[in-house]
C-alpha cells in the first residue's frame, strides 16, 4: 500500500478528532487516538480538554494560556469524560479547570485561561530563517517505507502534514534543537478556539523527540528501533497573537536539559509570514533503552 492509498483509505480530519459530545452541566465526552501502542496521544487529550473549557467561556473570549498534567497513559479504546470547573468569571479574564476521566479515574488535568482581546503595544522577536516546507522532503514517505507496520498504526499522518528542517544537531554544549513545519490536511472555518485546539494537537507531536535528539531523531526519521522511552508529563502553551492553524506553521524547538529520567523542551510557533503565534514548554519522561546504536539513514 502506498502512502497516498493509506491516507485515502483511513483519512480523517482534526474537526472530527476535536469534536465532543455535550453531556450537560459542563460535562463532555470524547475519544482520543493512540500516540504509541496502548497509550493516548497527549496532544489529542490536551486539545479536547481545551475544547471542553472553551465551550463554557464567552464567545468573545479567546484562550491565552493552558497548563496540563498527564496523570496516566489512558486507554484509546475507552471514552473520556471531561468535567469543567468554572473557577472565575471576570470582566476581562475567565479561568477554567478541566479534569479528564476514564472509568471514573482522572488521567489528565488542565487549567485554561481566556481573555477579551485588547489594544496594546506589540513587540516580538524575529522568525528563524529556514527553508520553505515545499523545499523539504515528506518524512512520511520514508516512515512508510522503513517501518510499514508502525506507520500503518499511526494516526498523525492522516490528519497532519509535517516537514523537518535539516537536522540542526547540537546548537551549543548541552543544547539540541529542531524545527518542524506543520499543516493539517484540511482547511477549517474561522473559529479561533478550534484553531487553538489544532495548534495544541500539533504542539505535542515533536517536543519530546527534541529532548532526545542527542540519542535519536523523531520516529518518522528513524530506520531502526527506538532507544528512548518517552511520554509527556506536563505541557503548557501561551497563545500570543491570532493565527490560522490550517496553514503552514513553523515550530522552532530546543532542549537545554535532560536529567533524572526527564527531558525539558520549549518551542515557538510562527506563521509563515513571521508572526509569533504561541510559545510551548513541556517536560517529558525520557528513559534510555539498552539497544545498539540506531542506524542513520
Protein backbone atom coordinates (compact mmCIF):
# COMPACT_ATOMS: atom_id res chain seq x y z
CA UNK A 1 0.00 0.00 0.00
CA UNK A 2 1.35 3.40 -0.96
CA UNK A 3 1.36 6.45 1.30
CA UNK A 4 -1.39 8.08 -0.80
CA UNK A 5 -3.57 4.96 -0.66
CA UNK A 6 -3.12 4.75 3.12
CA UNK A 7 -4.23 8.36 3.58
CA UNK A 8 -7.24 7.98 1.30
CA UNK A 9 -8.34 4.73 2.94
CA UNK A 10 -8.22 5.93 6.53
CA UNK A 11 -8.31 9.72 6.29
CA UNK A 12 -10.00 11.85 8.91
CA UNK A 13 -9.65 15.49 9.79
CA UNK A 14 -8.99 17.34 13.01
CA UNK A 15 -12.55 18.61 13.16
CA UNK A 16 -13.57 15.01 13.80
CA UNK A 17 -10.73 14.47 16.28
CA UNK A 18 -11.64 17.53 18.34
CA UNK A 19 -15.40 17.00 18.39
CA UNK A 20 -17.03 16.42 21.77
CA UNK A 21 -20.48 15.28 22.87
CA UNK A 22 -22.15 17.73 25.26
CA UNK A 23 -23.45 15.78 28.26
CA UNK A 24 -24.81 18.84 30.08
CA UNK A 25 -23.73 20.54 33.33
CA UNK A 26 -20.29 21.44 31.84
CA UNK A 27 -19.51 17.80 31.11
CA UNK A 28 -18.38 16.50 27.72
CA UNK A 29 -17.35 13.18 26.23
CA UNK A 30 -14.85 12.26 23.53
CA UNK A 31 -12.36 9.68 22.32
CA UNK A 32 -8.60 10.09 21.79
CA UNK A 33 -6.45 8.07 19.43
CA UNK A 34 -3.23 6.33 20.45
CA UNK A 35 0.12 8.06 20.27
CA UNK A 36 2.01 4.84 20.89
CA UNK A 37 0.53 1.35 21.31
CA UNK A 38 -1.95 1.31 24.19
CA UNK A 39 -1.34 4.95 25.16
CA UNK A 40 -3.47 8.00 24.38
CA UNK A 41 -1.75 10.73 22.37
CA UNK A 42 -1.26 13.60 24.82
CA UNK A 43 -1.71 16.37 22.25
CA UNK A 44 -5.12 14.99 21.33
CA UNK A 45 -6.12 14.81 25.00
CA UNK A 46 -4.97 18.40 25.67
CA UNK A 47 -6.72 19.71 22.55
CA UNK A 48 -10.02 18.10 23.58
CA UNK A 49 -9.59 19.46 27.11
CA UNK A 50 -9.13 22.96 25.71
CA UNK A 51 -12.20 22.48 23.53
CA UNK A 52 -14.28 21.46 26.56
CA UNK A 53 -13.11 24.51 28.54
CA UNK A 54 -13.83 26.82 25.61
CA UNK A 55 -17.41 25.57 25.39
CA UNK A 56 -18.05 27.15 28.82
CA UNK A 57 -16.36 30.52 28.14
CA UNK A 58 -17.97 33.55 26.47
CA UNK A 59 -17.85 33.51 22.67
CA UNK A 60 -15.96 36.82 22.71
CA UNK A 61 -13.14 35.46 24.88
CA UNK A 62 -10.01 33.83 23.42
CA UNK A 63 -7.62 31.40 25.09
CA UNK A 64 -4.30 32.91 26.12
CA UNK A 65 -2.73 30.08 28.14
CA UNK A 66 -3.13 26.48 29.26
CA UNK A 67 -1.22 24.23 31.65
CA UNK A 68 -1.79 20.48 31.75
CA UNK A 69 -0.56 17.45 33.70
CA UNK A 70 -0.73 13.93 32.29
CA UNK A 71 -1.56 11.62 35.20
CA UNK A 72 -1.66 8.26 33.40
CA UNK A 73 -1.35 6.82 29.90
CA UNK A 74 -5.09 6.38 29.35
CA UNK A 75 -6.76 3.84 27.09
CA UNK A 76 -7.55 4.83 23.48
CA UNK A 77 -10.32 2.21 23.40
CA UNK A 78 -12.32 3.86 26.21
CA UNK A 79 -14.37 7.10 26.12
CA UNK A 80 -13.09 10.11 28.04
CA UNK A 81 -15.26 12.32 30.23
CA UNK A 82 -14.25 15.96 30.52
CA UNK A 83 -15.57 17.80 33.59
CA UNK A 84 -15.13 21.57 33.52
CA UNK A 85 -14.95 23.68 36.66
CA UNK A 86 -15.69 27.40 36.35
CA UNK A 87 -13.03 28.82 38.67
CA UNK A 88 -13.54 32.50 37.87
CA UNK A 89 -15.68 34.67 35.61
CA UNK A 90 -14.21 38.16 35.50
CA UNK A 91 -14.78 41.19 33.30
CA UNK A 92 -11.68 40.51 31.19
CA UNK A 93 -10.38 37.06 32.22
CA UNK A 94 -12.10 33.69 32.67
CA UNK A 95 -10.46 30.67 34.35
CA UNK A 96 -11.42 27.04 33.86
CA UNK A 97 -10.20 23.74 35.34
CA UNK A 98 -10.73 20.57 33.29
CA UNK A 99 -10.45 17.03 34.62
CA UNK A 100 -10.38 14.20 32.08
CA UNK A 101 -11.55 10.84 33.44
CA UNK A 102 -11.72 7.27 32.20
CA UNK A 103 -13.82 4.76 34.12
CA UNK A 104 -14.08 7.36 36.89
CA UNK A 105 -10.29 7.81 37.29
CA UNK A 106 -8.55 11.12 36.43
CA UNK A 107 -5.98 10.73 33.65
CA UNK A 108 -5.33 14.42 32.86
CA UNK A 109 -5.90 17.84 34.41
CA UNK A 110 -5.86 21.13 32.53
CA UNK A 111 -6.02 24.76 33.65
CA UNK A 112 -7.11 27.17 30.92
CA UNK A 113 -7.38 30.96 30.94
CA UNK A 114 -9.39 33.03 28.46
CA UNK A 115 -9.49 36.82 27.99
CA UNK A 116 -11.07 39.56 25.95
CA UNK A 117 -8.80 40.91 23.20
CA UNK A 118 -7.47 44.42 23.85
CA UNK A 119 -5.34 47.03 22.11
CA UNK A 120 -1.75 47.40 23.31
CA UNK A 121 1.79 47.86 22.09
CA UNK A 122 3.14 44.92 20.11
CA UNK A 123 6.69 43.55 20.26
CA UNK A 124 8.13 40.21 19.15
CA UNK A 125 11.39 38.63 18.03
CA UNK A 126 12.28 37.56 14.51
CA UNK A 127 11.29 34.27 12.96
CA UNK A 128 14.19 31.87 12.22
CA UNK A 129 15.30 31.74 8.61
CA UNK A 130 14.64 28.19 7.36
CA UNK A 131 13.76 26.52 4.04
CA UNK A 132 10.13 26.62 2.91
CA UNK A 133 8.09 23.46 3.57
CA UNK A 134 7.72 22.84 -0.19
CA UNK A 135 11.51 22.54 -0.42
CA UNK A 136 11.73 19.82 2.25
CA UNK A 137 11.10 16.05 1.92
CA UNK A 138 7.97 14.36 3.24
CA UNK A 139 9.09 12.28 6.28
CA UNK A 140 6.05 10.05 5.96
CA UNK A 141 7.39 8.59 2.72
CA UNK A 142 10.48 7.26 4.49
CA UNK A 143 8.47 6.17 7.54
CA UNK A 144 6.02 4.18 5.40
CA UNK A 145 8.92 2.51 3.59
CA UNK A 146 11.22 1.83 6.56
CA UNK A 147 8.68 0.70 9.17
CA UNK A 148 5.43 -0.06 7.37
CA UNK A 149 3.62 -1.73 10.29
CA UNK A 150 4.32 1.13 12.70
CA UNK A 151 3.35 3.70 10.08
CA UNK A 152 0.09 1.91 9.34
CA UNK A 153 -0.89 2.08 13.03
CA UNK A 154 0.00 5.77 13.30
CA UNK A 155 -2.86 8.27 13.11
CA UNK A 156 -0.97 11.55 12.73
CA UNK A 157 -0.21 11.27 9.02
CA UNK A 158 -3.93 11.02 8.28
CA UNK A 159 -4.61 14.43 9.81
CA UNK A 160 -1.37 16.45 9.73
CA UNK A 161 1.44 17.09 7.25
CA UNK A 162 4.88 17.92 8.60
CA UNK A 163 8.30 18.77 7.19
CA UNK A 164 11.53 18.65 9.18
CA UNK A 165 14.19 21.27 8.62
CA UNK A 166 17.60 19.62 8.15
CA UNK A 167 18.97 18.27 11.43
CA UNK A 168 20.33 21.19 13.46
CA UNK A 169 22.01 18.89 15.97
CA UNK A 170 23.80 20.43 18.93
CA UNK A 171 23.47 24.23 18.96
CA UNK A 172 25.77 24.75 21.89
CA UNK A 173 27.12 22.47 24.56
CA UNK A 174 24.22 20.61 26.16
CA UNK A 175 21.55 22.14 23.91
CA UNK A 176 19.81 20.50 20.94
CA UNK A 177 17.21 21.87 18.53
CA UNK A 178 14.92 21.06 15.64
CA UNK A 179 12.38 22.96 13.55
CA UNK A 180 9.28 21.41 12.01
CA UNK A 181 6.65 22.79 9.64
CA UNK A 182 3.08 21.63 10.38
CA UNK A 183 -0.13 21.89 8.34
CA UNK A 184 -3.41 19.95 8.68
CA UNK A 185 -4.65 18.02 5.67
CA UNK A 186 -7.91 20.02 5.61
CA UNK A 187 -8.92 23.69 5.80
CA UNK A 188 -11.15 24.91 8.63
CA UNK A 189 -13.66 27.72 9.22
CA UNK A 190 -12.67 30.84 11.09
CA UNK A 191 -13.17 29.61 14.68
CA UNK A 192 -10.34 30.79 16.99
CA UNK A 193 -10.99 28.10 19.61
CA UNK A 194 -10.77 25.35 17.02
CA UNK A 195 -7.54 26.74 15.54
CA UNK A 196 -6.08 26.90 19.07
CA UNK A 197 -7.06 23.26 19.50
CA UNK A 198 -5.30 22.28 16.28
CA UNK A 199 -2.12 24.06 17.41
CA UNK A 200 -2.38 22.28 20.77
CA UNK A 201 -2.64 18.94 19.00
CA UNK A 202 0.44 19.69 16.86
CA UNK A 203 2.45 21.03 19.79
CA UNK A 204 2.87 17.54 21.27
CA UNK A 205 3.99 15.82 18.07
CA UNK A 206 7.71 16.59 18.31
CA UNK A 207 8.64 18.29 21.61
CA UNK A 208 9.56 15.08 23.45
CA UNK A 209 11.67 13.97 20.50
CA UNK A 210 13.51 17.29 20.67
CA UNK A 211 14.67 16.41 24.19
CA UNK A 212 16.12 13.12 22.89
CA UNK A 213 17.85 14.42 19.75
CA UNK A 214 21.26 13.63 21.21
CA UNK A 215 20.19 9.96 21.18
CA UNK A 216 17.90 9.63 18.14
CA UNK A 217 15.74 11.67 15.72
CA UNK A 218 11.95 11.89 15.60
CA UNK A 219 10.49 8.44 14.96
CA UNK A 220 9.34 9.38 11.45
CA UNK A 221 13.03 9.83 10.55
CA UNK A 222 14.39 6.67 12.21
CA UNK A 223 15.16 3.47 10.36
CA UNK A 224 15.92 1.36 13.45
CA UNK A 225 14.18 0.72 16.78
CA UNK A 226 13.67 3.50 19.31
CA UNK A 227 16.31 3.74 22.01
CA UNK A 228 14.26 6.00 24.28
CA UNK A 229 11.04 5.56 26.24
CA UNK A 230 9.15 8.87 26.03
CA UNK A 231 5.87 10.19 27.42
CA UNK A 232 4.57 13.71 28.09
CA UNK A 233 4.49 14.63 31.79
CA UNK A 234 3.22 18.21 31.64
CA UNK A 235 2.53 20.71 28.89
CA UNK A 236 2.00 24.47 28.74
CA UNK A 237 1.09 26.85 25.92
CA UNK A 238 0.89 30.64 25.80
CA UNK A 239 -1.08 31.99 22.84
CA UNK A 240 0.26 35.39 21.80
CA UNK A 241 -1.41 36.51 18.57
CA UNK A 242 -4.22 35.48 16.20
CA UNK A 243 -3.32 32.81 13.65
CA UNK A 244 -4.77 30.20 11.32
CA UNK A 245 -3.68 26.64 12.11
CA UNK A 246 -4.79 25.27 8.72
CA UNK A 247 -1.84 26.97 7.02
CA UNK A 248 1.84 26.03 7.29
CA UNK A 249 3.27 27.00 10.70
CA UNK A 250 6.87 26.63 11.83
CA UNK A 251 7.52 25.07 15.24
CA UNK A 252 11.09 26.04 16.25
CA UNK A 253 12.11 23.92 19.26
CA UNK A 254 15.08 23.45 21.56
CA UNK A 255 16.00 21.46 24.65
CA UNK A 256 18.69 22.56 27.08
CA UNK A 257 18.14 19.98 29.82
CA UNK A 258 17.81 16.20 30.15
CA UNK A 259 18.33 14.62 33.59
CA UNK A 260 16.75 12.33 36.17
CA UNK A 261 14.75 10.48 33.51
CA UNK A 262 13.17 13.75 32.32
CA UNK A 263 13.69 15.98 29.30
CA UNK A 264 12.67 19.63 29.04
CA UNK A 265 11.83 21.33 25.74
CA UNK A 266 10.49 24.69 24.61
CA UNK A 267 9.27 25.89 21.24
CA UNK A 268 7.79 28.81 19.32
CA UNK A 269 5.04 28.59 16.71
CA UNK A 270 5.45 31.05 13.83
CA UNK A 271 3.03 31.77 11.00
CA UNK A 272 4.53 31.63 7.56
CA UNK A 273 4.60 35.43 7.34
CA UNK A 274 6.63 35.73 10.56
CA UNK A 275 4.03 36.28 13.30
CA UNK A 276 4.91 34.73 16.67
CA UNK A 277 1.67 32.89 17.44
CA UNK A 278 2.45 30.80 20.53
CA UNK A 279 5.13 29.54 22.91
CA UNK A 280 5.15 25.98 24.27
CA UNK A 281 7.01 24.30 27.15
CA UNK A 282 6.99 20.62 28.03
CA UNK A 283 8.64 18.18 30.42
CA UNK A 284 8.66 14.58 29.26
CA UNK A 285 9.59 11.19 30.59
CA UNK A 286 12.92 10.31 28.95
CA UNK A 287 14.49 6.92 29.66
CA UNK A 288 17.19 5.24 27.63
CA UNK A 289 16.58 1.72 26.33
CA UNK A 290 19.64 -0.53 26.15
CA UNK A 291 19.88 -1.15 22.39
CA UNK A 292 22.69 -0.94 19.83
CA UNK A 293 23.10 2.48 18.20
CA UNK A 294 20.30 3.20 15.72
CA UNK A 295 21.33 3.31 12.04
CA UNK A 296 21.20 6.68 10.36
CA UNK A 297 19.51 6.99 7.00
